[in-house]
Amino acid sequence: MSIQNINLNLDRWHKEKKAGIAAVGQNVKANAERKAKQDAIWKDRTGNARQGLQGNSFWELATVFKITLGHTVEYGPYLELANDGKYAVLERTLNSLRGELYRNIKMMLNK
């Protein structure tokens, strides 16, 4: 096998794994949005806060993949921080999905 073939195979492997990580991230992001909307314990008045819970997944750098979850309403920080975090849902949701994320990435990398 030539160096050129090795490099091509490594490049293909790298692209496949990077795409796999992105797919896992998209799935976890969607699960985080769904779970946060379901688990938020505040009483809906307008439904805006619950509907405004949105996740994102993206490559920040070539080697850094991020999954985020946040509020789109201006009072989102209040829901997270006021009342000793009684209504906080973001960190709890992301932490609850950490095991799923790690398992799925490990499975994907071992294929």
PDB file of N, CA and C in Angstrom:
ATOM      1  N   MET A   1       0.859  -1.175   0.000  1.00  0.00           N
ATOM      2  CA  MET A   1       0.000   0.000   0.000  1.00  0.00           C
ATOM      3  C   MET A   1       0.903   1.235   0.000  1.00  0.00           C
ATOM      4  N   SER A   2       0.577   2.173  -0.841  1.00  0.00           N
ATOM      5  CA  SER A   2       1.400   3.374  -0.970  1.00  0.00           C
ATOM      6  C   SER A   2       1.018   4.412   0.084  1.00  0.00           C
ATOM      7  N   ILE A   3       1.902   5.353   0.295  1.00  0.00           N
ATOM      8  CA  ILE A   3       1.649   6.464   1.221  1.00  0.00           C
ATOM      9  C   ILE A   3       0.412   7.233   0.781  1.00  0.00           C
ATOM     10  N   GLN A   4       0.240   7.402  -0.525  1.00  0.00           N
ATOM     11  CA  GLN A   4      -0.914   8.126  -1.041  1.00  0.00           C
ATOM     12  C   GLN A   4      -2.209   7.404  -0.658  1.00  0.00           C
ATOM     13  N   ASN A   5      -2.238   6.080  -0.780  1.00  0.00           N
ATOM     14  CA  ASN A   5      -3.428   5.309  -0.401  1.00  0.00           C
ATOM     15  C   ASN A   5      -3.693   5.401   1.100  1.00  0.00           C
ATOM     16  N   ILE A   6      -2.639   5.363   1.875  1.00  0.00           N
ATOM     17  CA  ILE A   6      -2.785   5.477   3.329  1.00  0.00           C
ATOM     18  C   ILE A   6      -3.377   6.843   3.674  1.00  0.00           C
ATOM     19  N   ASN A   7      -2.855   7.883   3.073  1.00  0.00           N
ATOM     20  CA  ASN A   7      -3.371   9.233   3.335  1.00  0.00           C
ATOM     21  C   ASN A   7      -4.827   9.380   2.914  1.00  0.00           C
ATOM     22  N   LEU A   8      -5.174   8.802   1.766  1.00  0.00           N
ATOM     23  CA  LEU A   8      -6.564   8.852   1.305  1.00  0.00           C
ATOM     24  C   LEU A   8      -7.486   8.118   2.271  1.00  0.00           C
ATOM     25  N   ASN A   9      -7.040   6.947   2.729  1.00  0.00           N
ATOM     26  CA  ASN A   9      -7.848   6.180   3.679  1.00  0.00           C
ATOM     27  C   ASN A   9      -7.997   6.908   5.016  1.00  0.00           C
ATOM     28  N   LEU A  10      -6.920   7.510   5.492  1.00  0.00           N
ATOM     29  CA  LEU A  10      -6.993   8.276   6.734  1.00  0.00           C
ATOM     30  C   LEU A  10      -7.921   9.476   6.588  1.00  0.00           C
ATOM     31  N   ASP A  11      -7.855  10.144   5.468  1.00  0.00           N
ATOM     32  CA  ASP A  11      -8.725  11.291   5.215  1.00  0.00           C
ATOM     33  C   ASP A  11     -10.185  10.857   5.185  1.00  0.00           C
ATOM     34  N   ARG A  12     -10.466   9.748   4.505  1.00  0.00           N
ATOM     35  CA  ARG A  12     -11.836   9.226   4.441  1.00  0.00           C
ATOM     36  C   ARG A  12     -12.335   8.848   5.831  1.00  0.00           C
ATOM     37  N   TRP A  13     -11.483   8.164   6.612  1.00  0.00           N
ATOM     38  CA  TRP A  13     -11.839   7.757   7.968  1.00  0.00           C
ATOM     39  C   TRP A  13     -12.146   8.991   8.818  1.00  0.00           C
ATOM     40  N   HIS A  14     -11.288  10.004   8.720  1.00  0.00           N
ATOM     41  CA  HIS A  14     -11.472  11.235   9.490  1.00  0.00           C
ATOM     42  C   HIS A  14     -12.799  11.909   9.144  1.00  0.00           C
ATOM     43  N   LYS A  15     -13.111  12.011   7.874  1.00  0.00           N
ATOM     44  CA  LYS A  15     -14.366  12.643   7.449  1.00  0.00           C
ATOM     45  C   LYS A  15     -15.576  11.850   7.930  1.00  0.00           C
ATOM     46  N   GLU A  16     -15.495  10.518   7.861  1.00  0.00           N
ATOM     47  CA  GLU A  16     -16.604   9.674   8.327  1.00  0.00           C
ATOM     48  C   GLU A  16     -16.829   9.846   9.822  1.00  0.00           C
ATOM     49  N   LYS A  17     -15.763   9.862  10.588  1.00  0.00           N
ATOM     50  CA  LYS A  17     -15.893   9.985  12.044  1.00  0.00           C
ATOM     51  C   LYS A  17     -16.390  11.373  12.425  1.00  0.00           C
ATOM     52  N   LYS A  18     -15.925  12.393  11.745  1.00  0.00           N
ATOM     53  CA  LYS A  18     -16.367  13.758  12.019  1.00  0.00           C
ATOM     54  C   LYS A  18     -17.865  13.893  11.705  1.00  0.00           C
ATOM     55  N   ALA A  19     -18.304  13.314  10.598  1.00  0.00           N
ATOM     56  CA  ALA A  19     -19.725  13.339  10.248  1.00  0.00           C
ATOM     57  C   ALA A  19     -20.537  12.534  11.269  1.00  0.00           C
ATOM     58  N   GLY A  20     -19.990  11.430  11.729  1.00  0.00           N
ATOM     59  CA  GLY A  20     -20.667  10.616  12.739  1.00  0.00           C
ATOM     60  C   GLY A  20     -20.841  11.365  14.043  1.00  0.00           C
ATOM     61  N   ILE A  21     -19.813  12.062  14.474  1.00  0.00           N
ATOM     62  CA  ILE A  21     -19.902  12.859  15.700  1.00  0.00           C
ATOM     63  C   ILE A  21     -20.961  13.948  15.535  1.00  0.00           C
ATOM     64  N   ALA A  22     -20.991  14.585  14.377  1.00  0.00           N
ATOM     65  CA  ALA A  22     -21.999  15.618  14.124  1.00  0.00           C
ATOM     66  C   ALA A  22     -23.406  15.029  14.161  1.00  0.00           C
ATOM     67  N   ALA A  23     -23.586  13.838  13.623  1.00  0.00           N
ATOM     68  CA  ALA A  23     -24.904  13.186  13.636  1.00  0.00           C
ATOM     69  C   ALA A  23     -25.325  12.841  15.064  1.00  0.00           C
ATOM     70  N   VAL A  24     -24.404  12.317  15.848  1.00  0.00           N
ATOM     71  CA  VAL A  24     -24.695  12.025  17.252  1.00  0.00           C
ATOM     72  C   VAL A  24     -25.068  13.321  17.965  1.00  0.00           C
ATOM     73  N   GLY A  25     -24.318  14.380  17.703  1.00  0.00           N
ATOM     74  CA  GLY A  25     -24.600  15.675  18.322  1.00  0.00           C
ATOM     75  C   GLY A  25     -25.973  16.204  17.962  1.00  0.00           C
ATOM     76  N   GLN A  26     -26.361  16.068  16.716  1.00  0.00           N
ATOM     77  CA  GLN A  26     -27.693  16.510  16.280  1.00  0.00           C
ATOM     78  C   GLN A  26     -28.783  15.750  17.030  1.00  0.00           C
ATOM     79  N   ASN A  27     -28.581  14.455  17.196  1.00  0.00           N
ATOM     80  CA  ASN A  27     -29.558  13.624  17.900  1.00  0.00           C
ATOM     81  C   ASN A  27     -29.652  14.029  19.375  1.00  0.00           C
ATOM     82  N   VAL A  28     -28.518  14.205  20.022  1.00  0.00           N
ATOM     83  CA  VAL A  28     -28.520  14.598  21.428  1.00  0.00           C
ATOM     84  C   VAL A  28     -29.113  15.996  21.594  1.00  0.00           C
ATOM     85  N   LYS A  29     -28.803  16.893  20.670  1.00  0.00           N
ATOM     86  CA  LYS A  29     -29.371  18.246  20.711  1.00  0.00           C
ATOM     87  C   LYS A  29     -30.900  18.179  20.647  1.00  0.00           C
ATOM     88  N   ALA A  30     -31.419  17.385  19.739  1.00  0.00           N
ATOM     89  CA  ALA A  30     -32.874  17.246  19.606  1.00  0.00           C
ATOM     90  C   ALA A  30     -33.472  16.638  20.877  1.00  0.00           C
ATOM     91  N   ASN A  31     -32.796  15.643  21.444  1.00  0.00           N
ATOM     92  CA  ASN A  31     -33.271  15.044  22.695  1.00  0.00           C
ATOM     93  C   ASN A  31     -33.239  16.059  23.834  1.00  0.00           C
ATOM     94  N   ALA A  32     -32.211  16.905  23.862  1.00  0.00           N
ATOM     95  CA  ALA A  32     -32.100  17.921  24.910  1.00  0.00           C
ATOM     96  C   ALA A  32     -33.248  18.922  24.806  1.00  0.00           C
ATOM     97  N   GLU A  33     -33.551  19.383  23.612  1.00  0.00           N
ATOM     98  CA  GLU A  33     -34.665  20.311  23.423  1.00  0.00           C
ATOM     99  C   GLU A  33     -35.976  19.694  23.904  1.00  0.00           C
ATOM    100  N   ARG A  34     -36.216  18.477  23.461  1.00  0.00           N
ATOM    101  CA  ARG A  34     -37.459  17.783  23.810  1.00  0.00           C
ATOM    102  C   ARG A  34     -37.555  17.572  25.326  1.00  0.00           C
ATOM    103  N   LYS A  35     -36.469  17.095  25.920  1.00  0.00           N
ATOM    104  CA  LYS A  35     -36.461  16.814  27.358  1.00  0.00           C
ATOM    105  C   LYS A  35     -36.612  18.095  28.170  1.00  0.00           C
ATOM    106  N   ALA A  36     -35.927  19.156  27.791  1.00  0.00           N
ATOM    107  CA  ALA A  36     -36.022  20.421  28.534  1.00  0.00           C
ATOM    108  C   ALA A  36     -37.451  20.959  28.474  1.00  0.00           C
ATOM    109  N   LYS A  37     -38.064  20.895  27.314  1.00  0.00           N
ATOM    110  CA  LYS A  37     -39.442  21.389  27.172  1.00  0.00           C
ATOM    111  C   LYS A  37     -40.408  20.554  28.015  1.00  0.00           C
ATOM    112  N   GLN A  38     -40.147  19.272  28.091  1.00  0.00           N
ATOM    113  CA  GLN A  38     -41.000  18.367  28.858  1.00  0.00           C
ATOM    114  C   GLN A  38     -40.758  18.529  30.360  1.00  0.00           C
ATOM    115  N   ASP A  39     -39.507  18.686  30.769  1.00  0.00           N
ATOM    116  CA  ASP A  39     -39.153  18.688  32.184  1.00  0.00           C
ATOM    117  C   ASP A  39     -39.209  20.047  32.857  1.00  0.00           C
ATOM    118  N   ALA A  40     -39.338  21.124  32.095  1.00  0.00           N
ATOM    119  CA  ALA A  40     -39.391  22.462  32.703  1.00  0.00           C
ATOM    120  C   ALA A  40     -40.584  22.515  33.654  1.00  0.00           C
ATOM    121  N   ILE A  41     -40.312  22.909  34.894  1.00  0.00           N
ATOM    122  CA  ILE A  41     -41.372  22.821  35.907  1.00  0.00           C
ATOM    123  C   ILE A  41     -42.135  24.125  36.122  1.00  0.00           C
ATOM    124  N   TRP A  42     -41.760  25.177  35.372  1.00  0.00           N
ATOM    125  CA  TRP A  42     -42.484  26.421  35.574  1.00  0.00           C
ATOM    126  C   TRP A  42     -43.880  26.338  34.990  1.00  0.00           C
ATOM    127  N   LYS A  43     -44.757  27.191  35.497  1.00  0.00           N
ATOM    128  CA  LYS A  43     -46.139  27.262  35.015  1.00  0.00           C
ATOM    129  C   LYS A  43     -46.164  28.130  33.773  1.00  0.00           C
ATOM    130  N   ASP A  44     -46.672  27.593  32.688  1.00  0.00           N
ATOM    131  CA  ASP A  44     -46.754  28.355  31.445  1.00  0.00           C
ATOM    132  C   ASP A  44     -47.850  29.417  31.548  1.00  0.00           C
ATOM    133  N   ARG A  45     -47.470  30.622  31.162  1.00  0.00           N
ATOM    134  CA  ARG A  45     -48.460  31.699  31.050  1.00  0.00           C
ATOM    135  C   ARG A  45     -48.694  31.992  29.579  1.00  0.00           C
ATOM    136  N   THR A  46     -47.605  32.071  28.829  1.00  0.00           N
ATOM    137  CA  THR A  46     -47.730  32.342  27.397  1.00  0.00           C
ATOM    138  C   THR A  46     -47.223  31.167  26.552  1.00  0.00           C
ATOM    139  N   GLY A  47     -46.419  30.286  27.149  1.00  0.00           N
ATOM    140  CA  GLY A  47     -45.807  29.200  26.402  1.00  0.00           C
ATOM    141  C   GLY A  47     -44.520  29.606  25.702  1.00  0.00           C
ATOM    142  N   ASN A  48     -44.187  30.894  25.757  1.00  0.00           N
ATOM    143  CA  ASN A  48     -42.998  31.389  25.047  1.00  0.00           C
ATOM    144  C   ASN A  48     -41.701  30.818  25.603  1.00  0.00           C
ATOM    145  N   ALA A  49     -41.593  30.732  26.916  1.00  0.00           N
ATOM    146  CA  ALA A  49     -40.349  30.234  27.514  1.00  0.00           C
ATOM    147  C   ALA A  49     -40.120  28.773  27.131  1.00  0.00           C
ATOM    148  N   ARG A  50     -41.150  27.971  27.223  1.00  0.00           N
ATOM    149  CA  ARG A  50     -41.017  26.548  26.883  1.00  0.00           C
ATOM    150  C   ARG A  50     -40.687  26.382  25.396  1.00  0.00           C
ATOM    151  N   GLN A  51     -41.414  27.089  24.555  1.00  0.00           N
ATOM    152  CA  GLN A  51     -41.153  27.010  23.111  1.00  0.00           C
ATOM    153  C   GLN A  51     -39.786  27.574  22.757  1.00  0.00           C
ATOM    154  N   GLY A  52     -39.298  28.493  23.581  1.00  0.00           N
ATOM    155  CA  GLY A  52     -38.018  29.134  23.309  1.00  0.00           C
ATOM    156  C   GLY A  52     -36.803  28.354  23.768  1.00  0.00           C
ATOM    157  N   LEU A  53     -37.002  27.190  24.336  1.00  0.00           N
ATOM    158  CA  LEU A  53     -35.854  26.353  24.691  1.00  0.00           C
ATOM    159  C   LEU A  53     -35.308  25.746  23.406  1.00  0.00           C
ATOM    160  N   GLN A  54     -34.093  26.121  23.050  1.00  0.00           N
ATOM    161  CA  GLN A  54     -33.515  25.669  21.783  1.00  0.00           C
ATOM    162  C   GLN A  54     -32.095  25.179  21.980  1.00  0.00           C
ATOM    163  N   GLY A  55     -31.786  24.114  21.268  1.00  0.00           N
ATOM    164  CA  GLY A  55     -30.445  23.558  21.293  1.00  0.00           C
ATOM    165  C   GLY A  55     -29.726  23.832  19.993  1.00  0.00           C
ATOM    166  N   ASN A  56     -28.433  23.607  20.043  1.00  0.00           N
ATOM    167  CA  ASN A  56     -27.593  23.764  18.866  1.00  0.00           C
ATOM    168  C   ASN A  56     -26.441  22.788  18.992  1.00  0.00           C
ATOM    169  N   SER A  57     -25.957  22.316  17.872  1.00  0.00           N
ATOM    170  CA  SER A  57     -24.758  21.468  17.866  1.00  0.00           C
ATOM    171  C   SER A  57     -23.915  21.899  16.671  1.00  0.00           C
ATOM    172  N   PHE A  58     -22.609  22.024  16.919  1.00  0.00           N
ATOM    173  CA  PHE A  58     -21.752  22.563  15.867  1.00  0.00           C
ATOM    174  C   PHE A  58     -20.287  22.287  16.172  1.00  0.00           C
ATOM    175  N   TRP A  59     -19.484  22.305  15.136  1.00  0.00           N
ATOM    176  CA  TRP A  59     -18.040  22.246  15.271  1.00  0.00           C
ATOM    177  C   TRP A  59     -17.561  23.665  15.511  1.00  0.00           C
ATOM    178  N   GLU A  60     -17.034  23.942  16.695  1.00  0.00           N
ATOM    179  CA  GLU A  60     -16.512  25.273  16.989  1.00  0.00           C
ATOM    180  C   GLU A  60     -15.120  25.442  16.384  1.00  0.00           C
ATOM    181  N   LEU A  61     -14.325  24.412  16.496  1.00  0.00           N
ATOM    182  CA  LEU A  61     -12.992  24.346  15.902  1.00  0.00           C
ATOM    183  C   LEU A  61     -12.880  22.980  15.240  1.00  0.00           C
ATOM    184  N   ALA A  62     -11.791  22.739  14.579  1.00  0.00           N
ATOM    185  CA  ALA A  62     -11.612  21.449  13.909  1.00  0.00           C
ATOM    186  C   ALA A  62     -11.677  20.287  14.885  1.00  0.00           C
ATOM    187  N   THR A  63     -11.331  20.529  16.149  1.00  0.00           N
ATOM    188  CA  THR A  63     -11.303  19.439  17.127  1.00  0.00           C
ATOM    189  C   THR A  63     -12.245  19.672  18.302  1.00  0.00           C
ATOM    190  N   VAL A  64     -13.116  20.676  18.214  1.00  0.00           N
ATOM    191  CA  VAL A  64     -14.029  20.991  19.314  1.00  0.00           C
ATOM    192  C   VAL A  64     -15.464  20.982  18.797  1.00  0.00           C
ATOM    193  N   PHE A  65     -16.244  20.029  19.294  1.00  0.00           N
ATOM    194  CA  PHE A  65     -17.654  19.933  18.937  1.00  0.00           C
ATOM    195  C   PHE A  65     -18.463  20.333  20.154  1.00  0.00           C
ATOM    196  N   LYS A  66     -19.470  21.172  19.967  1.00  0.00           N
ATOM    197  CA  LYS A  66     -20.269  21.662  21.084  1.00  0.00           C
ATOM    198  C   LYS A  66     -21.745  21.384  20.879  1.00  0.00           C
ATOM    199  N   ILE A  67     -22.401  21.134  21.995  1.00  0.00           N
ATOM    200  CA  ILE A  67     -23.856  21.034  22.046  1.00  0.00           C
ATOM    201  C   ILE A  67     -24.293  22.054  23.087  1.00  0.00           C
ATOM    202  N   THR A  68     -25.190  22.942  22.699  1.00  0.00           N
ATOM    203  CA  THR A  68     -25.658  23.974  23.616  1.00  0.00           C
ATOM    204  C   THR A  68     -27.178  23.899  23.745  1.00  0.00           C
ATOM    205  N   LEU A  69     -27.660  24.433  24.840  1.00  0.00           N
ATOM    206  CA  LEU A  69     -29.094  24.505  25.094  1.00  0.00           C
ATOM    207  C   LEU A  69     -29.342  25.834  25.783  1.00  0.00           C
ATOM    208  N   GLY A  70     -30.308  26.596  25.305  1.00  0.00           N
ATOM    209  CA  GLY A  70     -30.539  27.906  25.894  1.00  0.00           C
ATOM    210  C   GLY A  70     -31.956  28.399  25.716  1.00  0.00           C
ATOM    211  N   HIS A  71     -32.191  29.532  26.329  1.00  0.00           N
ATOM    212  CA  HIS A  71     -33.485  30.220  26.250  1.00  0.00           C
ATOM    213  C   HIS A  71     -33.430  31.273  25.151  1.00  0.00           C
ATOM    214  N   THR A  72     -34.551  31.518  24.520  1.00  0.00           N
ATOM    215  CA  THR A  72     -34.634  32.613  23.558  1.00  0.00           C
ATOM    216  C   THR A  72     -35.421  33.791  24.129  1.00  0.00           C
ATOM    217  N   VAL A  73     -36.056  33.582  25.269  1.00  0.00           N
ATOM    218  CA  VAL A  73     -36.792  34.689  25.893  1.00  0.00           C
ATOM    219  C   VAL A  73     -35.849  35.470  26.796  1.00  0.00           C
ATOM    220  N   GLU A  74     -36.074  36.754  26.922  1.00  0.00           N
ATOM    221  CA  GLU A  74     -35.153  37.608  27.690  1.00  0.00           C
ATOM    222  C   GLU A  74     -35.156  37.276  29.175  1.00  0.00           C
ATOM    223  N   TYR A  75     -36.216  36.659  29.669  1.00  0.00           N
ATOM    224  CA  TYR A  75     -36.275  36.312  31.088  1.00  0.00           C
ATOM    225  C   TYR A  75     -35.765  34.883  31.357  1.00  0.00           C
ATOM    226  N   GLY A  76     -35.175  34.259  30.356  1.00  0.00           N
ATOM    227  CA  GLY A  76     -34.595  32.933  30.528  1.00  0.00           C
ATOM    228  C   GLY A  76     -33.567  32.860  31.647  1.00  0.00           C
ATOM    229  N   PRO A  77     -32.631  33.827  31.718  1.00  0.00           N
ATOM    230  CA  PRO A  77     -31.670  33.790  32.825  1.00  0.00           C
ATOM    231  C   PRO A  77     -32.352  33.836  34.197  1.00  0.00           C
ATOM    232  N   TYR A  78     -33.438  34.571  34.298  1.00  0.00           N
ATOM    233  CA  TYR A  78     -34.183  34.619  35.554  1.00  0.00           C
ATOM    234  C   TYR A  78     -34.706  33.232  35.909  1.00  0.00           C
ATOM    235  N   LEU A  79     -35.267  32.528  34.926  1.00  0.00           N
ATOM    236  CA  LEU A  79     -35.782  31.190  35.197  1.00  0.00           C
ATOM    237  C   LEU A  79     -34.678  30.250  35.670  1.00  0.00           C
ATOM    238  N   GLU A  80     -33.476  30.434  35.123  1.00  0.00           N
ATOM    239  CA  GLU A  80     -32.358  29.558  35.483  1.00  0.00           C
ATOM    240  C   GLU A  80     -31.729  29.906  36.829  1.00  0.00           C
ATOM    241  N   LEU A  81     -31.694  31.179  37.172  1.00  0.00           N
ATOM    242  CA  LEU A  81     -30.900  31.609  38.321  1.00  0.00           C
ATOM    243  C   LEU A  81     -31.703  32.034  39.547  1.00  0.00           C
ATOM    244  N   ALA A  82     -32.909  32.524  39.348  1.00  0.00           N
ATOM    245  CA  ALA A  82     -33.701  33.018  40.479  1.00  0.00           C
ATOM    246  C   ALA A  82     -34.221  31.860  41.325  1.00  0.00           C
ATOM    247  N   ASN A  83     -34.651  32.194  42.503  1.00  0.00           N
ATOM    248  CA  ASN A  83     -35.241  31.209  43.415  1.00  0.00           C
ATOM    249  C   ASN A  83     -34.319  30.013  43.658  1.00  0.00           C
ATOM    250  N   ASP A  84     -33.036  30.308  43.818  1.00  0.00           N
ATOM    251  CA  ASP A  84     -32.022  29.259  44.043  1.00  0.00           C
ATOM    252  C   ASP A  84     -32.041  28.187  42.960  1.00  0.00           C
ATOM    253  N   GLY A  85     -32.356  28.588  41.729  1.00  0.00           N
ATOM    254  CA  GLY A  85     -32.348  27.649  40.607  1.00  0.00           C
ATOM    255  C   GLY A  85     -33.517  26.685  40.596  1.00  0.00           C
ATOM    256  N   LYS A  86     -34.560  27.015  41.322  1.00  0.00           N
ATOM    257  CA  LYS A  86     -35.738  26.130  41.412  1.00  0.00           C
ATOM    258  C   LYS A  86     -36.296  25.771  40.037  1.00  0.00           C
ATOM    259  N   TYR A  87     -36.251  26.709  39.092  1.00  0.00           N
ATOM    260  CA  TYR A  87     -36.831  26.476  37.772  1.00  0.00           C
ATOM    261  C   TYR A  87     -35.786  26.186  36.697  1.00  0.00           C
ATOM    262  N   ALA A  88     -34.538  26.043  37.111  1.00  0.00           N
ATOM    263  CA  ALA A  88     -33.448  25.786  36.159  1.00  0.00           C
ATOM    264  C   ALA A  88     -33.661  24.448  35.461  1.00  0.00           C
ATOM    265  N   VAL A  89     -33.446  24.436  34.164  1.00  0.00           N
ATOM    266  CA  VAL A  89     -33.650  23.215  33.401  1.00  0.00           C
ATOM    267  C   VAL A  89     -32.474  22.919  32.462  1.00  0.00           C
ATOM    268  N   LEU A  90     -31.705  23.933  32.087  1.00  0.00           N
ATOM    269  CA  LEU A  90     -30.673  23.761  31.057  1.00  0.00           C
ATOM    270  C   LEU A  90     -29.559  22.809  31.483  1.00  0.00           C
ATOM    271  N   GLU A  91     -28.882  23.130  32.564  1.00  0.00           N
ATOM    272  CA  GLU A  91     -27.746  22.308  32.999  1.00  0.00           C
ATOM    273  C   GLU A  91     -28.205  20.900  33.376  1.00  0.00           C
ATOM    274  N   ARG A  92     -29.316  20.815  34.085  1.00  0.00           N
ATOM    275  CA  ARG A  92     -29.848  19.502  34.480  1.00  0.00           C
ATOM    276  C   ARG A  92     -30.127  18.626  33.260  1.00  0.00           C
ATOM    277  N   THR A  93     -30.694  19.226  32.232  1.00  0.00           N
ATOM    278  CA  THR A  93     -31.013  18.467  31.018  1.00  0.00           C
ATOM    279  C   THR A  93     -29.747  17.987  30.319  1.00  0.00           C
ATOM    280  N   LEU A  94     -28.799  18.895  30.108  1.00  0.00           N
ATOM    281  CA  LEU A  94     -27.560  18.503  29.424  1.00  0.00           C
ATOM    282  C   LEU A  94     -26.799  17.453  30.215  1.00  0.00           C
ATOM    283  N   ASN A  95     -26.750  17.602  31.532  1.00  0.00           N
ATOM    284  CA  ASN A  95     -26.057  16.603  32.350  1.00  0.00           C
ATOM    285  C   ASN A  95     -26.734  15.242  32.269  1.00  0.00           C
ATOM    286  N   SER A  96     -28.054  15.224  32.167  1.00  0.00           N
ATOM    287  CA  SER A  96     -28.770  13.947  32.100  1.00  0.00           C
ATOM    288  C   SER A  96     -28.504  13.201  30.788  1.00  0.00           C
ATOM    289  N   LEU A  97     -28.075  13.917  29.756  1.00  0.00           N
ATOM    290  CA  LEU A  97     -27.825  13.295  28.450  1.00  0.00           C
ATOM    291  C   LEU A  97     -26.350  13.012  28.198  1.00  0.00           C
ATOM    292  N   ARG A  98     -25.506  13.345  29.142  1.00  0.00           N
ATOM    293  CA  ARG A  98     -24.062  13.157  28.982  1.00  0.00           C
ATOM    294  C   ARG A  98     -23.703  11.688  28.719  1.00  0.00           C
ATOM    295  N   GLY A  99     -24.275  10.770  29.478  1.00  0.00           N
ATOM    296  CA  GLY A  99     -23.990   9.346  29.300  1.00  0.00           C
ATOM    297  C   GLY A  99     -24.388   8.867  27.911  1.00  0.00           C
ATOM    298  N   GLU A 100     -25.558   9.284  27.451  1.00  0.00           N
ATOM    299  CA  GLU A 100     -26.022   8.929  26.106  1.00  0.00           C
ATOM    300  C   GLU A 100     -25.039   9.438  25.050  1.00  0.00           C
ATOM    301  N   LEU A 101     -24.599  10.672  25.211  1.00  0.00           N
ATOM    302  CA  LEU A 101     -23.649  11.258  24.266  1.00  0.00           C
ATOM    303  C   LEU A 101     -22.358  10.450  24.226  1.00  0.00           C
ATOM    304  N   TYR A 102     -21.790  10.171  25.378  1.00  0.00           N
ATOM    305  CA  TYR A 102     -20.523   9.433  25.430  1.00  0.00           C
ATOM    306  C   TYR A 102     -20.664   8.027  24.847  1.00  0.00           C
ATOM    307  N   ARG A 103     -21.739   7.340  25.222  1.00  0.00           N
ATOM    308  CA  ARG A 103     -21.956   5.975  24.693  1.00  0.00           C
ATOM    309  C   ARG A 103     -22.081   5.981  23.174  1.00  0.00           C
ATOM    310  N   ASN A 104     -22.861   6.914  22.644  1.00  0.00           N
ATOM    311  CA  ASN A 104     -23.083   6.956  21.197  1.00  0.00           C
ATOM    312  C   ASN A 104     -21.823   7.339  20.433  1.00  0.00           C
ATOM    313  N   ILE A 105     -21.059   8.257  20.969  1.00  0.00           N
ATOM    314  CA  ILE A 105     -19.793   8.624  20.293  1.00  0.00           C
ATOM    315  C   ILE A 105     -18.829   7.456  20.351  1.00  0.00           C
ATOM    316  N   LYS A 106     -18.739   6.795  21.485  1.00  0.00           N
ATOM    317  CA  LYS A 106     -17.833   5.647  21.608  1.00  0.00           C
ATOM    318  C   LYS A 106     -18.240   4.535  20.633  1.00  0.00           C
ATOM    319  N   MET A 107     -19.545   4.258  20.550  1.00  0.00           N
ATOM    320  CA  MET A 107     -20.025   3.241  19.598  1.00  0.00           C
ATOM    321  C   MET A 107     -19.675   3.623  18.167  1.00  0.00           C
ATOM    322  N   MET A 108     -19.909   4.887  17.841  1.00  0.00           N
ATOM    323  CA  MET A 108     -19.638   5.355  16.478  1.00  0.00           C
ATOM    324  C   MET A 108     -18.158   5.288  16.160  1.00  0.00           C
ATOM    325  N   LEU A 109     -17.298   5.641  17.089  1.00  0.00           N
ATOM    326  CA  LEU A 109     -15.854   5.614  16.838  1.00  0.00           C
ATOM    327  C   LEU A 109     -15.320   4.190  16.722  1.00  0.00           C
ATOM    328  N   ASN A 110     -15.983   3.240  17.362  1.00  0.00           N
ATOM    329  CA  ASN A 110     -15.523   1.843  17.322  1.00  0.00           C
ATOM    330  C   ASN A 110     -16.031   1.058  16.117  1.00  0.00           C
ATOM    331  N   LYS A 111     -16.819   1.698  15.268  1.00  0.00           N
ATOM    332  CA  LYS A 111     -17.343   1.005  14.076  1.00  0.00           C
ATOM    333  C   LYS A 111     -16.242   0.865  13.043  1.00  0.00           C
TER     334      LYS A 111
END
